[in-house]
Amino acid sequence: MRWIHRDSLIACDHDGRVTNRASQQWVTVRGVPVLVDADPEGRDITACPNYGPTIKPCVKTLRVTVGYSTWLRVDGHRVVLDNLDGLTDGTPPGLVHHKVRAARQDFLGADG
């Protein structure tokens, strides 16, 4: 599994793009801050094409269910890995996920 950083591509199931923001700046991969636990939660999702009269597009990420390292931490916060999986606020509720589509770095990896 690869470490995820601010420039990694995270998207909803409909290909809406998650706006990444790193809460820490001092641990980086090639100058780009790595994401730690809670960074992928509550983030904006742009350009989700899933919309219609009774359909709500994904606009925010919700709780992460998988994807935080059990061993690696930055200032006490678990590092985000590329097996990240969490829910969004889109329809149908509780079924639409956000996941890593591209780590965009091949330098750092971890087993879990």
PDB file of N, CA and C in Angstrom:
ATOM      1  N   MET A   1       0.835  -1.174   0.000  1.00  0.00           N
ATOM      2  CA  MET A   1       0.000   0.000   0.000  1.00  0.00           C
ATOM      3  C   MET A   1       0.884   1.243   0.000  1.00  0.00           C
ATOM      4  N   ARG A   2       0.431   2.255  -0.671  1.00  0.00           N
ATOM      5  CA  ARG A   2       1.165   3.518  -0.764  1.00  0.00           C
ATOM      6  C   ARG A   2       0.627   4.539   0.239  1.00  0.00           C
ATOM      7  N   TRP A   3       1.513   5.420   0.690  1.00  0.00           N
ATOM      8  CA  TRP A   3       1.096   6.544   1.521  1.00  0.00           C
ATOM      9  C   TRP A   3       0.331   7.512   0.619  1.00  0.00           C
ATOM     10  N   ILE A   4      -0.659   8.170   1.179  1.00  0.00           N
ATOM     11  CA  ILE A   4      -1.447   9.134   0.422  1.00  0.00           C
ATOM     12  C   ILE A   4      -1.047  10.540   0.847  1.00  0.00           C
ATOM     13  N   HIS A   5      -0.912  11.421  -0.139  1.00  0.00           N
ATOM     14  CA  HIS A   5      -0.563  12.806   0.159  1.00  0.00           C
ATOM     15  C   HIS A   5      -1.599  13.755  -0.439  1.00  0.00           C
ATOM     16  N   ARG A   6      -1.389  15.033  -0.228  1.00  0.00           N
ATOM     17  CA  ARG A   6      -2.346  16.052  -0.643  1.00  0.00           C
ATOM     18  C   ARG A   6      -2.682  15.998  -2.132  1.00  0.00           C
ATOM     19  N   ASP A   7      -1.741  15.573  -2.981  1.00  0.00           N
ATOM     20  CA  ASP A   7      -1.974  15.559  -4.422  1.00  0.00           C
ATOM     21  C   ASP A   7      -2.482  14.219  -4.948  1.00  0.00           C
ATOM     22  N   SER A   8      -2.730  13.246  -4.069  1.00  0.00           N
ATOM     23  CA  SER A   8      -3.291  11.961  -4.487  1.00  0.00           C
ATOM     24  C   SER A   8      -4.718  12.180  -4.981  1.00  0.00           C
ATOM     25  N   LEU A   9      -5.142  11.319  -5.899  1.00  0.00           N
ATOM     26  CA  LEU A   9      -6.493  11.427  -6.450  1.00  0.00           C
ATOM     27  C   LEU A   9      -7.449  10.535  -5.663  1.00  0.00           C
ATOM     28  N   ILE A  10      -8.386  11.159  -4.975  1.00  0.00           N
ATOM     29  CA  ILE A  10      -9.453  10.467  -4.249  1.00  0.00           C
ATOM     30  C   ILE A  10     -10.755  10.906  -4.906  1.00  0.00           C
ATOM     31  N   ALA A  11     -11.644   9.943  -5.181  1.00  0.00           N
ATOM     32  CA  ALA A  11     -12.888  10.261  -5.878  1.00  0.00           C
ATOM     33  C   ALA A  11     -14.041   9.439  -5.329  1.00  0.00           C
ATOM     34  N   CYS A  12     -15.254   9.947  -5.540  1.00  0.00           N
ATOM     35  CA  CYS A  12     -16.446   9.183  -5.170  1.00  0.00           C
ATOM     36  C   CYS A  12     -16.691   8.114  -6.235  1.00  0.00           C
ATOM     37  N   ASP A  13     -17.643   7.231  -5.973  1.00  0.00           N
ATOM     38  CA  ASP A  13     -17.959   6.161  -6.921  1.00  0.00           C
ATOM     39  C   ASP A  13     -18.398   6.687  -8.289  1.00  0.00           C
ATOM     40  N   HIS A  14     -18.864   7.944  -8.327  1.00  0.00           N
ATOM     41  CA  HIS A  14     -19.335   8.531  -9.587  1.00  0.00           C
ATOM     42  C   HIS A  14     -18.257   9.361 -10.274  1.00  0.00           C
ATOM     43  N   ASP A  15     -17.049   9.355  -9.747  1.00  0.00           N
ATOM     44  CA  ASP A  15     -15.897  10.101 -10.262  1.00  0.00           C
ATOM     45  C   ASP A  15     -15.855  11.571  -9.877  1.00  0.00           C
ATOM     46  N   GLY A  16     -16.625  11.990  -8.880  1.00  0.00           N
ATOM     47  CA  GLY A  16     -16.455  13.335  -8.339  1.00  0.00           C
ATOM     48  C   GLY A  16     -15.135  13.395  -7.587  1.00  0.00           C
ATOM     49  N   ARG A  17     -14.424  14.499  -7.684  1.00  0.00           N
ATOM     50  CA  ARG A  17     -13.089  14.623  -7.091  1.00  0.00           C
ATOM     51  C   ARG A  17     -13.134  15.190  -5.682  1.00  0.00           C
ATOM     52  N   VAL A  18     -12.410  14.532  -4.779  1.00  0.00           N
ATOM     53  CA  VAL A  18     -12.306  14.990  -3.399  1.00  0.00           C
ATOM     54  C   VAL A  18     -11.203  16.049  -3.317  1.00  0.00           C
ATOM     55  N   THR A  19     -11.498  17.151  -2.633  1.00  0.00           N
ATOM     56  CA  THR A  19     -10.507  18.204  -2.408  1.00  0.00           C
ATOM     57  C   THR A  19      -9.707  17.834  -1.163  1.00  0.00           C
ATOM     58  N   ASN A  20      -8.461  17.423  -1.362  1.00  0.00           N
ATOM     59  CA  ASN A  20      -7.607  17.006  -0.247  1.00  0.00           C
ATOM     60  C   ASN A  20      -7.030  18.218   0.468  1.00  0.00           C
ATOM     61  N   ARG A  21      -6.881  18.069   1.778  1.00  0.00           N
ATOM     62  CA  ARG A  21      -6.230  19.092   2.590  1.00  0.00           C
ATOM     63  C   ARG A  21      -5.481  18.372   3.699  1.00  0.00           C
ATOM     64  N   ALA A  22      -4.215  18.668   3.832  1.00  0.00           N
ATOM     65  CA  ALA A  22      -3.384  18.031   4.853  1.00  0.00           C
ATOM     66  C   ALA A  22      -3.407  18.861   6.133  1.00  0.00           C
ATOM     67  N   SER A  23      -3.610  18.192   7.266  1.00  0.00           N
ATOM     68  CA  SER A  23      -3.636  18.893   8.549  1.00  0.00           C
ATOM     69  C   SER A  23      -2.236  19.083   9.128  1.00  0.00           C
ATOM     70  N   GLN A  24      -1.257  18.433   8.536  1.00  0.00           N
ATOM     71  CA  GLN A  24       0.127  18.596   8.985  1.00  0.00           C
ATOM     72  C   GLN A  24       0.983  18.918   7.770  1.00  0.00           C
ATOM     73  N   GLN A  25       2.086  19.614   7.988  1.00  0.00           N
ATOM     74  CA  GLN A  25       2.933  20.069   6.878  1.00  0.00           C
ATOM     75  C   GLN A  25       4.376  19.585   6.968  1.00  0.00           C
ATOM     76  N   TRP A  26       4.761  18.946   8.052  1.00  0.00           N
ATOM     77  CA  TRP A  26       6.178  18.667   8.236  1.00  0.00           C
ATOM     78  C   TRP A  26       6.622  17.297   7.771  1.00  0.00           C
ATOM     79  N   VAL A  27       5.720  16.330   7.493  1.00  0.00           N
ATOM     80  CA  VAL A  27       6.106  15.056   6.884  1.00  0.00           C
ATOM     81  C   VAL A  27       5.560  15.067   5.466  1.00  0.00           C
ATOM     82  N   THR A  28       6.482  14.957   4.505  1.00  0.00           N
ATOM     83  CA  THR A  28       6.097  15.072   3.101  1.00  0.00           C
ATOM     84  C   THR A  28       6.650  13.911   2.281  1.00  0.00           C
ATOM     85  N   VAL A  29       6.070  13.711   1.112  1.00  0.00           N
ATOM     86  CA  VAL A  29       6.609  12.807   0.097  1.00  0.00           C
ATOM     87  C   VAL A  29       6.954  13.692  -1.084  1.00  0.00           C
ATOM     88  N   ARG A  30       8.249  13.843  -1.325  1.00  0.00           N
ATOM     89  CA  ARG A  30       8.740  14.709  -2.395  1.00  0.00           C
ATOM     90  C   ARG A  30       8.153  16.119  -2.314  1.00  0.00           C
ATOM     91  N   GLY A  31       8.077  16.627  -1.086  1.00  0.00           N
ATOM     92  CA  GLY A  31       7.639  17.995  -0.854  1.00  0.00           C
ATOM     93  C   GLY A  31       6.141  18.182  -0.705  1.00  0.00           C
ATOM     94  N   VAL A  32       5.356  17.106  -0.808  1.00  0.00           N
ATOM     95  CA  VAL A  32       3.896  17.207  -0.693  1.00  0.00           C
ATOM     96  C   VAL A  32       3.472  16.573   0.637  1.00  0.00           C
ATOM     97  N   PRO A  33       2.742  17.304   1.488  1.00  0.00           N
ATOM     98  CA  PRO A  33       2.362  16.787   2.807  1.00  0.00           C
ATOM     99  C   PRO A  33       1.519  15.511   2.727  1.00  0.00           C
ATOM    100  N   VAL A  34       1.839  14.532   3.581  1.00  0.00           N
ATOM    101  CA  VAL A  34       1.057  13.293   3.643  1.00  0.00           C
ATOM    102  C   VAL A  34      -0.231  13.556   4.423  1.00  0.00           C
ATOM    103  N   LEU A  35      -1.263  12.768   4.116  1.00  0.00           N
ATOM    104  CA  LEU A  35      -2.526  12.868   4.835  1.00  0.00           C
ATOM    105  C   LEU A  35      -2.494  11.942   6.042  1.00  0.00           C
ATOM    106  N   VAL A  36      -3.113  12.386   7.121  1.00  0.00           N
ATOM    107  CA  VAL A  36      -3.225  11.586   8.338  1.00  0.00           C
ATOM    108  C   VAL A  36      -4.695  11.462   8.713  1.00  0.00           C
ATOM    109  N   ASP A  37      -4.976  10.628   9.745  1.00  0.00           N
ATOM    110  CA  ASP A  37      -6.381  10.351  10.066  1.00  0.00           C
ATOM    111  C   ASP A  37      -7.199  11.625  10.269  1.00  0.00           C
ATOM    112  N   ALA A  38      -8.394  11.538   9.774  1.00  0.00           N
ATOM    113  CA  ALA A  38      -9.409  12.597   9.725  1.00  0.00           C
ATOM    114  C   ALA A  38      -9.204  13.562   8.561  1.00  0.00           C
ATOM    115  N   ASP A  39      -8.031  13.583   7.908  1.00  0.00           N
ATOM    116  CA  ASP A  39      -7.857  14.466   6.746  1.00  0.00           C
ATOM    117  C   ASP A  39      -8.845  14.149   5.617  1.00  0.00           C
ATOM    118  N   PRO A  40      -9.140  12.879   5.306  1.00  0.00           N
ATOM    119  CA  PRO A  40     -10.076  12.612   4.198  1.00  0.00           C
ATOM    120  C   PRO A  40     -11.556  12.774   4.574  1.00  0.00           C
ATOM    121  N   GLU A  41     -11.860  13.096   5.813  1.00  0.00           N
ATOM    122  CA  GLU A  41     -13.250  13.174   6.270  1.00  0.00           C
ATOM    123  C   GLU A  41     -13.753  14.617   6.256  1.00  0.00           C
ATOM    124  N   GLY A  42     -14.989  14.805   5.801  1.00  0.00           N
ATOM    125  CA  GLY A  42     -15.582  16.136   5.765  1.00  0.00           C
ATOM    126  C   GLY A  42     -15.049  17.018   4.651  1.00  0.00           C
ATOM    127  N   ARG A  43     -14.473  16.433   3.633  1.00  0.00           N
ATOM    128  CA  ARG A  43     -13.903  17.198   2.514  1.00  0.00           C
ATOM    129  C   ARG A  43     -14.923  17.395   1.399  1.00  0.00           C
ATOM    130  N   ASP A  44     -14.752  18.486   0.660  1.00  0.00           N
ATOM    131  CA  ASP A  44     -15.627  18.777  -0.470  1.00  0.00           C
ATOM    132  C   ASP A  44     -15.377  17.806  -1.614  1.00  0.00           C
ATOM    133  N   ILE A  45     -16.457  17.470  -2.318  1.00  0.00           N
ATOM    134  CA  ILE A  45     -16.384  16.671  -3.543  1.00  0.00           C
ATOM    135  C   ILE A  45     -16.927  17.549  -4.660  1.00  0.00           C
ATOM    136  N   THR A  46     -16.154  17.708  -5.727  1.00  0.00           N
ATOM    137  CA  THR A  46     -16.581  18.539  -6.847  1.00  0.00           C
ATOM    138  C   THR A  46     -16.835  17.688  -8.081  1.00  0.00           C
ATOM    139  N   ALA A  47     -17.733  18.159  -8.899  1.00  0.00           N
ATOM    140  CA  ALA A  47     -18.031  17.572 -10.213  1.00  0.00           C
ATOM    141  C   ALA A  47     -18.607  16.164 -10.150  1.00  0.00           C
ATOM    142  N   CYS A  48     -19.354  15.850  -9.099  1.00  0.00           N
ATOM    143  CA  CYS A  48     -20.036  14.554  -9.057  1.00  0.00           C
ATOM    144  C   CYS A  48     -21.178  14.610 -10.066  1.00  0.00           C
ATOM    145  N   PRO A  49     -21.171  13.721 -11.064  1.00  0.00           N
ATOM    146  CA  PRO A  49     -22.198  13.775 -12.102  1.00  0.00           C
ATOM    147  C   PRO A  49     -23.517  13.102 -11.711  1.00  0.00           C
ATOM    148  N   ASN A  50     -23.609  12.575 -10.500  1.00  0.00           N
ATOM    149  CA  ASN A  50     -24.800  11.859 -10.056  1.00  0.00           C
ATOM    150  C   ASN A  50     -25.829  12.865  -9.517  1.00  0.00           C
ATOM    151  N   TYR A  51     -26.699  13.363 -10.378  1.00  0.00           N
ATOM    152  CA  TYR A  51     -27.718  14.307  -9.930  1.00  0.00           C
ATOM    153  C   TYR A  51     -28.979  14.148 -10.774  1.00  0.00           C
ATOM    154  N   GLY A  52     -30.049  14.656 -10.255  1.00  0.00           N
ATOM    155  CA  GLY A  52     -31.336  14.584 -10.916  1.00  0.00           C
ATOM    156  C   GLY A  52     -32.423  15.068  -9.976  1.00  0.00           C
ATOM    157  N   PRO A  53     -33.691  14.945 -10.383  1.00  0.00           N
ATOM    158  CA  PRO A  53     -34.797  15.459  -9.567  1.00  0.00           C
ATOM    159  C   PRO A  53     -34.856  14.863  -8.157  1.00  0.00           C
ATOM    160  N   THR A  54     -34.557  13.595  -7.994  1.00  0.00           N
ATOM    161  CA  THR A  54     -34.606  12.968  -6.669  1.00  0.00           C
ATOM    162  C   THR A  54     -33.256  12.397  -6.251  1.00  0.00           C
ATOM    163  N   ILE A  55     -32.208  12.835  -6.917  1.00  0.00           N
ATOM    164  CA  ILE A  55     -30.867  12.298  -6.655  1.00  0.00           C
ATOM    165  C   ILE A  55     -29.969  13.422  -6.151  1.00  0.00           C
ATOM    166  N   LYS A  56     -29.299  13.167  -5.035  1.00  0.00           N
ATOM    167  CA  LYS A  56     -28.354  14.135  -4.473  1.00  0.00           C
ATOM    168  C   LYS A  56     -26.938  13.748  -4.875  1.00  0.00           C
ATOM    169  N   PRO A  57     -26.206  14.662  -5.518  1.00  0.00           N
ATOM    170  CA  PRO A  57     -24.813  14.345  -5.852  1.00  0.00           C
ATOM    171  C   PRO A  57     -23.952  14.306  -4.595  1.00  0.00           C
ATOM    172  N   CYS A  58     -22.812  13.685  -4.689  1.00  0.00           N
ATOM    173  CA  CYS A  58     -21.848  13.661  -3.584  1.00  0.00           C
ATOM    174  C   CYS A  58     -21.220  15.050  -3.469  1.00  0.00           C
ATOM    175  N   VAL A  59     -21.306  15.653  -2.296  1.00  0.00           N
ATOM    176  CA  VAL A  59     -20.679  16.958  -2.086  1.00  0.00           C
ATOM    177  C   VAL A  59     -19.721  16.963  -0.900  1.00  0.00           C
ATOM    178  N   LYS A  60     -19.811  15.939  -0.020  1.00  0.00           N
ATOM    179  CA  LYS A  60     -18.910  15.833   1.138  1.00  0.00           C
ATOM    180  C   LYS A  60     -18.536  14.379   1.392  1.00  0.00           C
ATOM    181  N   THR A  61     -17.299  14.190   1.853  1.00  0.00           N
ATOM    182  CA  THR A  61     -16.900  12.865   2.320  1.00  0.00           C
ATOM    183  C   THR A  61     -17.371  12.700   3.755  1.00  0.00           C
ATOM    184  N   LEU A  62     -17.652  11.470   4.125  1.00  0.00           N
ATOM    185  CA  LEU A  62     -18.056  11.158   5.493  1.00  0.00           C
ATOM    186  C   LEU A  62     -16.970  10.306   6.148  1.00  0.00           C
ATOM    187  N   ARG A  63     -17.321   9.561   7.151  1.00  0.00           N
ATOM    188  CA  ARG A  63     -16.389   8.746   7.930  1.00  0.00           C
ATOM    189  C   ARG A  63     -15.628   7.739   7.065  1.00  0.00           C
ATOM    190  N   VAL A  64     -14.354   7.577   7.353  1.00  0.00           N
ATOM    191  CA  VAL A  64     -13.515   6.567   6.709  1.00  0.00           C
ATOM    192  C   VAL A  64     -13.688   5.255   7.458  1.00  0.00           C
ATOM    193  N   THR A  65     -13.886   4.152   6.716  1.00  0.00           N
ATOM    194  CA  THR A  65     -14.040   2.848   7.349  1.00  0.00           C
ATOM    195  C   THR A  65     -12.766   2.018   7.286  1.00  0.00           C
ATOM    196  N   VAL A  66     -11.944   2.246   6.257  1.00  0.00           N
ATOM    197  CA  VAL A  66     -10.685   1.518   6.063  1.00  0.00           C
ATOM    198  C   VAL A  66      -9.679   2.491   5.452  1.00  0.00           C
ATOM    199  N   GLY A  67      -8.402   2.316   5.809  1.00  0.00           N
ATOM    200  CA  GLY A  67      -7.378   3.100   5.134  1.00  0.00           C
ATOM    201  C   GLY A  67      -6.421   3.857   6.026  1.00  0.00           C
ATOM    202  N   TYR A  68      -6.570   3.722   7.337  1.00  0.00           N
ATOM    203  CA  TYR A  68      -5.604   4.325   8.243  1.00  0.00           C
ATOM    204  C   TYR A  68      -4.625   3.260   8.699  1.00  0.00           C
ATOM    205  N   SER A  69      -3.337   3.579   8.669  1.00  0.00           N
ATOM    206  CA  SER A  69      -2.310   2.636   9.091  1.00  0.00           C
ATOM    207  C   SER A  69      -2.465   2.285  10.566  1.00  0.00           C
ATOM    208  N   THR A  70      -2.234   1.026  10.878  1.00  0.00           N
ATOM    209  CA  THR A  70      -2.265   0.622  12.285  1.00  0.00           C
ATOM    210  C   THR A  70      -0.921   0.869  12.962  1.00  0.00           C
ATOM    211  N   TRP A  71       0.141   1.061  12.185  1.00  0.00           N
ATOM    212  CA  TRP A  71       1.492   1.200  12.745  1.00  0.00           C
ATOM    213  C   TRP A  71       2.108   2.580  12.543  1.00  0.00           C
ATOM    214  N   LEU A  72       1.881   3.169  11.399  1.00  0.00           N
ATOM    215  CA  LEU A  72       2.568   4.411  11.052  1.00  0.00           C
ATOM    216  C   LEU A  72       1.772   5.628  11.500  1.00  0.00           C
ATOM    217  N   ARG A  73       2.473   6.530  12.200  1.00  0.00           N
ATOM    218  CA  ARG A  73       1.820   7.726  12.723  1.00  0.00           C
ATOM    219  C   ARG A  73       2.706   8.951  12.523  1.00  0.00           C
ATOM    220  N   VAL A  74       2.043  10.081  12.378  1.00  0.00           N
ATOM    221  CA  VAL A  74       2.718  11.369  12.317  1.00  0.00           C
ATOM    222  C   VAL A  74       2.129  12.202  13.444  1.00  0.00           C
ATOM    223  N   ASP A  75       2.950  12.535  14.425  1.00  0.00           N
ATOM    224  CA  ASP A  75       2.512  13.310  15.582  1.00  0.00           C
ATOM    225  C   ASP A  75       1.272  12.691  16.233  1.00  0.00           C
ATOM    226  N   GLY A  76       1.254  11.351  16.310  1.00  0.00           N
ATOM    227  CA  GLY A  76       0.163  10.631  16.950  1.00  0.00           C
ATOM    228  C   GLY A  76      -1.022  10.315  16.060  1.00  0.00           C
ATOM    229  N   HIS A  77      -1.020  10.806  14.822  1.00  0.00           N
ATOM    230  CA  HIS A  77      -2.127  10.578  13.890  1.00  0.00           C
ATOM    231  C   HIS A  77      -1.742   9.506  12.865  1.00  0.00           C
ATOM    232  N   ARG A  78      -2.650   8.568  12.609  1.00  0.00           N
ATOM    233  CA  ARG A  78      -2.385   7.476  11.674  1.00  0.00           C
ATOM    234  C   ARG A  78      -2.254   7.985  10.240  1.00  0.00           C
ATOM    235  N   VAL A  79      -1.286   7.447   9.511  1.00  0.00           N
ATOM    236  CA  VAL A  79      -1.057   7.805   8.115  1.00  0.00           C
ATOM    237  C   VAL A  79      -2.158   7.187   7.252  1.00  0.00           C
ATOM    238  N   VAL A  80      -2.598   7.922   6.224  1.00  0.00           N
ATOM    239  CA  VAL A  80      -3.609   7.423   5.290  1.00  0.00           C
ATOM    240  C   VAL A  80      -2.915   6.594   4.210  1.00  0.00           C
ATOM    241  N   LEU A  81      -3.479   5.422   3.927  1.00  0.00           N
ATOM    242  CA  LEU A  81      -2.936   4.507   2.919  1.00  0.00           C
ATOM    243  C   LEU A  81      -3.882   4.382   1.725  1.00  0.00           C
ATOM    244  N   ASP A  82      -3.380   3.822   0.627  1.00  0.00           N
ATOM    245  CA  ASP A  82      -4.178   3.791  -0.606  1.00  0.00           C
ATOM    246  C   ASP A  82      -5.313   2.771  -0.623  1.00  0.00           C
ATOM    247  N   ASN A  83      -5.527   2.050   0.475  1.00  0.00           N
ATOM    248  CA  ASN A  83      -6.705   1.186   0.568  1.00  0.00           C
ATOM    249  C   ASN A  83      -7.876   1.951   1.199  1.00  0.00           C
ATOM    250  N   LEU A  84      -7.761   3.269   1.263  1.00  0.00           N
ATOM    251  CA  LEU A  84      -8.775   4.144   1.829  1.00  0.00           C
ATOM    252  C   LEU A  84     -10.160   3.841   1.260  1.00  0.00           C
ATOM    253  N   ASP A  85     -11.141   3.757   2.140  1.00  0.00           N
ATOM    254  CA  ASP A  85     -12.530   3.569   1.736  1.00  0.00           C
ATOM    255  C   ASP A  85     -13.419   4.211   2.787  1.00  0.00           C
ATOM    256  N   GLY A  86     -14.286   5.094   2.333  1.00  0.00           N
ATOM    257  CA  GLY A  86     -15.222   5.758   3.235  1.00  0.00           C
ATOM    258  C   GLY A  86     -16.490   6.095   2.481  1.00  0.00           C
ATOM    259  N   LEU A  87     -17.462   6.634   3.171  1.00  0.00           N
ATOM    260  CA  LEU A  87     -18.743   6.971   2.561  1.00  0.00           C
ATOM    261  C   LEU A  87     -18.800   8.442   2.163  1.00  0.00           C
ATOM    262  N   THR A  88     -19.789   8.760   1.308  1.00  0.00           N
ATOM    263  CA  THR A  88     -20.082  10.149   0.948  1.00  0.00           C
ATOM    264  C   THR A  88     -21.520  10.454   1.347  1.00  0.00           C
ATOM    265  N   ASP A  89     -21.921  11.706   1.160  1.00  0.00           N
ATOM    266  CA  ASP A  89     -23.291  12.104   1.474  1.00  0.00           C
ATOM    267  C   ASP A  89     -24.225  11.995   0.267  1.00  0.00           C
ATOM    268  N   GLY A  90     -23.766  11.387  -0.825  1.00  0.00           N
ATOM    269  CA  GLY A  90     -24.590  11.258  -2.025  1.00  0.00           C
ATOM    270  C   GLY A  90     -25.630  10.154  -1.918  1.00  0.00           C
ATOM    271  N   THR A  91     -26.514  10.107  -2.911  1.00  0.00           N
ATOM    272  CA  THR A  91     -27.554   9.064  -2.927  1.00  0.00           C
ATOM    273  C   THR A  91     -27.103   7.886  -3.773  1.00  0.00           C
ATOM    274  N   PRO A  92     -27.504   6.685  -3.379  1.00  0.00           N
ATOM    275  CA  PRO A  92     -28.324   6.371  -2.212  1.00  0.00           C
ATOM    276  C   PRO A  92     -27.514   6.475  -0.918  1.00  0.00           C
ATOM    277  N   PRO A  93     -28.114   7.002   0.166  1.00  0.00           N
ATOM    278  CA  PRO A  93     -27.409   7.202   1.432  1.00  0.00           C
ATOM    279  C   PRO A  93     -26.811   5.895   1.969  1.00  0.00           C
ATOM    280  N   GLY A  94     -25.571   6.006   2.437  1.00  0.00           N
ATOM    281  CA  GLY A  94     -24.901   4.863   3.048  1.00  0.00           C
ATOM    282  C   GLY A  94     -24.352   3.843   2.072  1.00  0.00           C
ATOM    283  N   LEU A  95     -24.422   4.137   0.768  1.00  0.00           N
ATOM    284  CA  LEU A  95     -23.937   3.176  -0.226  1.00  0.00           C
ATOM    285  C   LEU A  95     -22.873   3.720  -1.168  1.00  0.00           C
ATOM    286  N   VAL A  96     -22.690   5.026  -1.206  1.00  0.00           N
ATOM    287  CA  VAL A  96     -21.718   5.630  -2.117  1.00  0.00           C
ATOM    288  C   VAL A  96     -20.406   5.852  -1.372  1.00  0.00           C
ATOM    289  N   HIS A  97     -19.320   5.384  -1.947  1.00  0.00           N
ATOM    290  CA  HIS A  97     -18.008   5.426  -1.302  1.00  0.00           C
ATOM    291  C   HIS A  97     -17.083   6.449  -1.954  1.00  0.00           C
ATOM    292  N   HIS A  98     -16.047   6.831  -1.214  1.00  0.00           N
ATOM    293  CA  HIS A  98     -14.910   7.561  -1.790  1.00  0.00           C
ATOM    294  C   HIS A  98     -13.675   6.697  -1.571  1.00  0.00           C
ATOM    295  N   LYS A  99     -12.843   6.633  -2.618  1.00  0.00           N
ATOM    296  CA  LYS A  99     -11.659   5.771  -2.593  1.00  0.00           C
ATOM    297  C   LYS A  99     -10.503   6.453  -3.322  1.00  0.00           C
ATOM    298  N   VAL A 100      -9.316   5.928  -3.091  1.00  0.00           N
ATOM    299  CA  VAL A 100      -8.127   6.416  -3.788  1.00  0.00           C
ATOM    300  C   VAL A 100      -8.142   5.850  -5.200  1.00  0.00           C
ATOM    301  N   ARG A 101      -8.015   6.715  -6.178  1.00  0.00           N
ATOM    302  CA  ARG A 101      -7.922   6.289  -7.578  1.00  0.00           C
ATOM    303  C   ARG A 101      -6.468   6.246  -8.037  1.00  0.00           C
ATOM    304  N   ALA A 102      -5.651   7.137  -7.479  1.00  0.00           N
ATOM    305  CA  ALA A 102      -4.227   7.171  -7.824  1.00  0.00           C
ATOM    306  C   ALA A 102      -3.448   7.794  -6.673  1.00  0.00           C
ATOM    307  N   ALA A 103      -2.464   7.056  -6.164  1.00  0.00           N
ATOM    308  CA  ALA A 103      -1.650   7.575  -5.059  1.00  0.00           C
ATOM    309  C   ALA A 103      -0.785   8.739  -5.527  1.00  0.00           C
ATOM    310  N   ARG A 104      -0.413   8.716  -6.781  1.00  0.00           N
ATOM    311  CA  ARG A 104       0.442   9.739  -7.401  1.00  0.00           C
ATOM    312  C   ARG A 104       1.800   9.879  -6.716  1.00  0.00           C
ATOM    313  N   GLN A 105       2.252   8.766  -6.165  1.00  0.00           N
ATOM    314  CA  GLN A 105       3.631   8.670  -5.670  1.00  0.00           C
ATOM    315  C   GLN A 105       3.961   7.193  -5.566  1.00  0.00           C
ATOM    316  N   ASP A 106       5.186   6.835  -5.939  1.00  0.00           N
ATOM    317  CA  ASP A 106       5.662   5.458  -5.880  1.00  0.00           C
ATOM    318  C   ASP A 106       6.838   5.317  -4.930  1.00  0.00           C
ATOM    319  N   PHE A 107       7.038   6.307  -4.078  1.00  0.00           N
ATOM    320  CA  PHE A 107       8.221   6.364  -3.232  1.00  0.00           C
ATOM    321  C   PHE A 107       8.030   5.660  -1.896  1.00  0.00           C
ATOM    322  N   LEU A 108       6.908   5.901  -1.212  1.00  0.00           N
ATOM    323  CA  LEU A 108       6.690   5.343   0.124  1.00  0.00           C
ATOM    324  C   LEU A 108       5.530   4.361   0.139  1.00  0.00           C
ATOM    325  N   GLY A 109       5.761   3.202   0.755  1.00  0.00           N
ATOM    326  CA  GLY A 109       4.716   2.199   0.902  1.00  0.00           C
ATOM    327  C   GLY A 109       4.723   1.636   2.312  1.00  0.00           C
ATOM    328  N   ALA A 110       3.676   0.888   2.632  1.00  0.00           N
ATOM    329  CA  ALA A 110       3.551   0.287   3.958  1.00  0.00           C
ATOM    330  C   ALA A 110       2.724  -0.971   3.860  1.00  0.00           C
ATOM    331  N   ASP A 111       2.889  -1.869   4.806  1.00  0.00           N
ATOM    332  CA  ASP A 111       2.093  -3.094   4.843  1.00  0.00           C
ATOM    333  C   ASP A 111       0.792  -2.919   5.617  1.00  0.00           C
ATOM    334  N   GLY A 112       0.637  -1.888   6.371  1.00  0.00           N
ATOM    335  CA  GLY A 112      -0.609  -1.699   7.119  1.00  0.00           C
ATOM    336  C   GLY A 112      -0.464  -0.845   8.273  1.00  0.00           C
TER     337      GLY A 112
END
